[in-house]
């Protein structure tokens, strides 16, 4: 009976540790997803902003041909 109880306690301890590790992974993934969503929103806003007229550049603003 004691061996069986000890085996169950070991399994519960293992499952609790695994659950905590998975919870940490989910939390980190949530943070990563939120950061990526913010980056996508910033890029989307940047792309939807009105573009400057390329012909309005002055000679000082032009890049040299080797760029």
Protein backbone atom coordinates (compact mmCIF):
# COMPACT_ATOMS: atom_id res chain seq x y z
CA UNK A 1 0.00 0.00 0.00
CA UNK A 2 2.82 2.45 0.85
CA UNK A 3 4.60 1.75 -2.44
CA UNK A 4 1.43 2.40 -4.40
CA UNK A 5 0.81 5.66 -2.53
CA UNK A 6 4.42 6.73 -3.13
CA UNK A 7 4.08 5.95 -6.85
CA UNK A 8 0.92 8.06 -7.05
CA UNK A 9 2.59 10.94 -5.22
CA UNK A 10 5.54 10.75 -7.63
CA UNK A 11 3.21 10.84 -10.63
CA UNK A 12 1.31 13.80 -9.21
CA UNK A 13 4.57 15.67 -8.55
CA UNK A 14 5.74 14.95 -12.11
CA UNK A 15 2.42 16.12 -13.57
CA UNK A 16 2.46 19.31 -11.49
CA UNK A 17 5.96 20.13 -12.66
CA UNK A 18 5.04 19.41 -16.30
CA UNK A 19 1.94 21.59 -15.97
CA UNK A 20 4.00 24.47 -14.55
CA UNK A 21 6.55 24.17 -17.35
CA UNK A 22 3.79 24.16 -19.97
CA UNK A 23 2.18 27.16 -18.33
CA UNK A 24 5.49 29.03 -18.56
CA UNK A 25 5.80 28.12 -22.25
CA UNK A 26 2.27 29.34 -22.96
CA UNK A 27 2.97 32.60 -21.14
CA UNK A 28 6.17 33.20 -23.15
CA UNK A 29 4.36 32.37 -26.39
CA UNK A 30 1.59 34.79 -25.48
CA UNK A 31 4.15 37.56 -24.96
CA UNK A 32 5.84 36.70 -28.27
CA UNK A 33 2.50 36.74 -30.10
CA UNK A 34 1.58 40.11 -28.60
CA UNK A 35 4.96 41.57 -29.65
CA UNK A 36 4.58 40.16 -33.18
CA UNK A 37 1.06 41.55 -33.45
CA UNK A 38 2.37 44.98 -32.45
CA UNK A 39 5.09 44.74 -35.11
CA UNK A 40 2.59 43.71 -37.78
CA UNK A 41 0.32 46.60 -36.82
CA UNK A 42 3.23 49.04 -37.01
CA UNK A 43 4.20 47.72 -40.44
CA UNK A 44 0.61 47.82 -41.64
CA UNK A 45 0.29 51.43 -40.45
CA UNK A 46 3.56 52.31 -42.10
CA UNK A 47 2.51 50.77 -45.41
CA UNK A 48 -0.90 52.40 -45.39
CA UNK A 49 0.58 55.85 -44.71
CA UNK A 50 0.63 58.14 -47.74
CA UNK A 51 3.81 57.72 -49.74
CA UNK A 52 5.95 60.73 -50.55
CA UNK A 53 6.30 61.69 -54.16
CA UNK A 54 9.62 60.26 -55.35
CA UNK A 55 10.04 62.98 -57.99
CA UNK A 56 10.11 65.68 -55.33
CA UNK A 57 13.61 64.75 -54.16
CA UNK A 58 16.36 67.30 -54.29
CA UNK A 59 19.79 66.39 -55.63
CA UNK A 60 21.11 66.39 -52.04
CA UNK A 61 18.57 63.70 -51.10
CA UNK A 62 19.46 61.40 -53.99
CA UNK A 63 21.54 58.36 -53.22
CA UNK A 64 24.73 57.89 -55.20
CA UNK A 65 24.47 55.22 -57.93
CA UNK A 66 26.75 52.78 -56.08
CA UNK A 67 24.17 52.26 -53.30
